[in-house]
C-alpha atoms as a PDB file:
ATOM      1  CA  UNK A   1     157.347  97.664  64.060  1.00  0.00           C
ATOM      2  CA  UNK A   2     160.944  97.082  62.977  1.00  0.00           C
ATOM      3  CA  UNK A   3     163.820  96.880  65.422  1.00  0.00           C
ATOM      4  CA  UNK A   4     167.185  98.509  64.670  1.00  0.00           C
ATOM      5  CA  UNK A   5     170.390  97.117  66.150  1.00  0.00           C
ATOM      6  CA  UNK A   6     172.985  99.799  66.840  1.00  0.00           C
ATOM      7  CA  UNK A   7     176.745  99.321  66.865  1.00  0.00           C
ATOM      8  CA  UNK A   8     179.042 100.643  69.582  1.00  0.00           C
ATOM      9  CA  UNK A   9     179.802 103.755  67.533  1.00  0.00           C
ATOM     10  CA  UNK A  10     176.195 104.913  67.263  1.00  0.00           C
ATOM     11  CA  UNK A  11     174.142 106.829  69.771  1.00  0.00           C
ATOM     12  CA  UNK A  12     170.456 107.664  69.919  1.00  0.00           C
ATOM     13  CA  UNK A  13     168.436 110.264  71.741  1.00  0.00           C
ATOM     14  CA  UNK A  14     164.705 110.852  71.652  1.00  0.00           C
ATOM     15  CA  UNK A  15     163.785 114.482  71.040  1.00  0.00           C
ATOM     16  CA  UNK A  16     160.855 116.296  72.764  1.00  0.00           C
ATOM     17  CA  UNK A  17     158.948 116.305  69.445  1.00  0.00           C
ATOM     18  CA  UNK A  18     159.092 112.462  69.365  1.00  0.00           C
ATOM     19  CA  UNK A  19     161.733 112.419  66.621  1.00  0.00           C
ATOM     20  CA  UNK A  20     164.635 110.030  67.056  1.00  0.00           C
ATOM     21  CA  UNK A  21     168.127 111.500  66.726  1.00  0.00           C
ATOM     22  CA  UNK A  22     170.916 109.199  65.554  1.00  0.00           C
ATOM     23  CA  UNK A  23     174.554 110.230  65.539  1.00  0.00           C
ATOM     24  CA  UNK A  24     177.926 108.584  65.299  1.00  0.00           C
ATOM     25  CA  UNK A  25     180.214 108.751  68.291  1.00  0.00           C
ATOM     26  CA  UNK A  26     183.902 109.016  67.438  1.00  0.00           C
ATOM     27  CA  UNK A  27     185.684 106.640  69.792  1.00  0.00           C
ATOM     28  CA  UNK A  28     189.254 106.401  68.504  1.00  0.00           C
ATOM     29  CA  UNK A  29     190.508 109.019  66.062  1.00  0.00           C
ATOM     30  CA  UNK A  30     189.487 112.296  64.442  1.00  0.00           C
ATOM     31  CA  UNK A  31     191.843 113.230  61.593  1.00  0.00           C
ATOM     32  CA  UNK A  32     191.839 116.457  59.529  1.00  0.00           C
ATOM     33  CA  UNK A  33     193.371 116.612  56.048  1.00  0.00           C
ATOM     34  CA  UNK A  34     193.499 118.735  52.884  1.00  0.00           C
ATOM     35  CA  UNK A  35     193.016 117.435  49.343  1.00  0.00           C
ATOM     36  CA  UNK A  36     193.320 119.340  46.078  1.00  0.00           C
ATOM     37  CA  UNK A  37     191.198 118.109  43.183  1.00  0.00           C
ATOM     38  CA  UNK A  38     191.341 119.228  39.582  1.00  0.00           C
ATOM     39  CA  UNK A  39     190.255 117.982  36.151  1.00  0.00           C
ATOM     40  CA  UNK A  40     191.109 114.305  36.845  1.00  0.00           C
ATOM     41  CA  UNK A  41     189.281 112.265  39.501  1.00  0.00           C
ATOM     42  CA  UNK A  42     191.347 111.770  42.669  1.00  0.00           C
ATOM     43  CA  UNK A  43     190.586 109.833  45.871  1.00  0.00           C
ATOM     44  CA  UNK A  44     189.360 111.862  48.858  1.00  0.00           C
ATOM     45  CA  UNK A  45     191.551 111.355  50.875  1.00  0.00           C
ATOM     46  CA  UNK A  46     194.446 109.557  49.174  1.00  0.00           C
ATOM     47  CA  UNK A  47     194.562 106.978  51.994  1.00  0.00           C
ATOM     48  CA  UNK A  48     191.424 106.450  54.127  1.00  0.00           C
ATOM     49  CA  UNK A  49     191.721 106.428  57.907  1.00  0.00           C
ATOM     50  CA  UNK A  50     191.805 102.871  59.268  1.00  0.00           C
ATOM     51  CA  UNK A  51     188.421 101.788  60.687  1.00  0.00           C
ATOM     52  CA  UNK A  52     186.827 105.004  59.418  1.00  0.00           C
ATOM     53  CA  UNK A  53     183.132 105.487  60.208  1.00  0.00           C
ATOM     54  CA  UNK A  54     182.540 109.035  58.984  1.00  0.00           C
ATOM     55  CA  UNK A  55     183.937 111.346  56.314  1.00  0.00           C
ATOM     56  CA  UNK A  56     183.196 115.088  56.163  1.00  0.00           C
ATOM     57  CA  UNK A  57     184.245 117.075  53.095  1.00  0.00           C
ATOM     58  CA  UNK A  58     184.150 120.888  52.870  1.00  0.00           C
ATOM     59  CA  UNK A  59     184.741 122.673  49.583  1.00  0.00           C
ATOM     60  CA  UNK A  60     186.789 125.785  50.415  1.00  0.00           C
ATOM     61  CA  UNK A  61     187.415 126.704  46.773  1.00  0.00           C
ATOM     62  CA  UNK A  62     185.352 128.920  44.477  1.00  0.00           C
ATOM     63  CA  UNK A  63     184.725 126.010  42.073  1.00  0.00           C
ATOM     64  CA  UNK A  64     182.043 123.340  42.241  1.00  0.00           C
ATOM     65  CA  UNK A  65     183.561 119.962  43.137  1.00  0.00           C
ATOM     66  CA  UNK A  66     181.794 116.760  42.114  1.00  0.00           C
ATOM     67  CA  UNK A  67     182.068 113.616  44.259  1.00  0.00           C
ATOM     68  CA  UNK A  68     181.321 109.991  43.475  1.00  0.00           C
ATOM     69  CA  UNK A  69     183.107 106.745  42.670  1.00  0.00           C
ATOM     70  CA  UNK A  70     186.197 106.297  40.465  1.00  0.00           C
ATOM     71  CA  UNK A  71     184.109 107.045  37.350  1.00  0.00           C
ATOM     72  CA  UNK A  72     182.943 110.452  38.646  1.00  0.00           C
ATOM     73  CA  UNK A  73     182.757 113.303  36.143  1.00  0.00           C
ATOM     74  CA  UNK A  74     181.516 116.874  36.256  1.00  0.00           C
ATOM     75  CA  UNK A  75     178.383 115.582  34.495  1.00  0.00           C
ATOM     76  CA  UNK A  76     177.464 112.684  36.804  1.00  0.00           C
ATOM     77  CA  UNK A  77     178.995 113.558  40.192  1.00  0.00           C
ATOM     78  CA  UNK A  78     177.224 114.881  43.263  1.00  0.00           C
ATOM     79  CA  UNK A  79     177.855 118.662  43.274  1.00  0.00           C
ATOM     80  CA  UNK A  80     179.575 120.180  46.292  1.00  0.00           C
ATOM     81  CA  UNK A  81     179.231 123.937  45.891  1.00  0.00           C
ATOM     82  CA  UNK A  82     181.731 126.476  47.279  1.00  0.00           C
ATOM     83  CA  UNK A  83     181.671 126.525  51.119  1.00  0.00           C
ATOM     84  CA  UNK A  84     179.348 123.497  51.177  1.00  0.00           C
ATOM     85  CA  UNK A  85     179.889 120.453  53.396  1.00  0.00           C
ATOM     86  CA  UNK A  86     178.897 116.839  52.884  1.00  0.00           C
ATOM     87  CA  UNK A  87     179.036 114.252  55.653  1.00  0.00           C
ATOM     88  CA  UNK A  88     179.068 110.566  54.717  1.00  0.00           C
ATOM     89  CA  UNK A  89     178.777 107.593  57.064  1.00  0.00           C
ATOM     90  CA  UNK A  90     181.324 105.366  55.356  1.00  0.00           C
ATOM     91  CA  UNK A  91     183.837 102.623  56.059  1.00  0.00           C
ATOM     92  CA  UNK A  92     187.515 102.698  55.157  1.00  0.00           C
ATOM     93  CA  UNK A  93     187.187 100.226  52.269  1.00  0.00           C
ATOM     94  CA  UNK A  94     184.955 102.632  50.308  1.00  0.00           C
ATOM     95  CA  UNK A  95     186.880 105.200  48.258  1.00  0.00           C
ATOM     96  CA  UNK A  96     185.291 108.573  47.425  1.00  0.00           C
ATOM     97  CA  UNK A  97     186.604 110.476  44.422  1.00  0.00           C
ATOM     98  CA  UNK A  98     186.397 114.134  43.489  1.00  0.00           C
ATOM     99  CA  UNK A  99     186.785 116.123  40.280  1.00  0.00           C
ATOM    100  CA  UNK A 100     186.398 119.803  39.353  1.00  0.00           C
ATOM    101  CA  UNK A 101     186.815 122.166  36.423  1.00  0.00           C
ATOM    102  CA  UNK A 102     189.881 123.734  38.048  1.00  0.00           C
ATOM    103  CA  UNK A 103     192.187 123.416  41.029  1.00  0.00           C
ATOM    104  CA  UNK A 104     189.945 123.126  44.105  1.00  0.00           C
ATOM    105  CA  UNK A 105     190.929 122.685  47.738  1.00  0.00           C
ATOM    106  CA  UNK A 106     188.887 120.473  50.050  1.00  0.00           C
ATOM    107  CA  UNK A 107     189.104 120.141  53.824  1.00  0.00           C
ATOM    108  CA  UNK A 108     188.570 116.615  55.093  1.00  0.00           C
ATOM    109  CA  UNK A 109     187.633 115.318  58.533  1.00  0.00           C
ATOM    110  CA  UNK A 110     187.594 111.565  59.120  1.00  0.00           C
ATOM    111  CA  UNK A 111     186.468 109.810  62.279  1.00  0.00           C
ATOM    112  CA  UNK A 112     187.009 106.276  63.513  1.00  0.00           C
END
């Protein structure tokens, strides 16, 4: 049996069906933002929140947005369909990029 060490920003709760729930607890800051992506890859967001632990991205456009690293394209990126949300447990030194086939607005929520 392996043992997991949790940081101060993580919480666990055992469910009645014996599944273990793990969630991040935002202790310092929760920051909303808006980013517009287009046909060139741009960072999401332009400047990451200091000590970030979580990044949520919602595509509020009618276009598919593709996310990945700085080399993301519409052919290799992870697709984020219209009205879809992706939540990433991520630190502030990791930069997420987005690209689309047209002007696409994203809503961002970062937690530290």
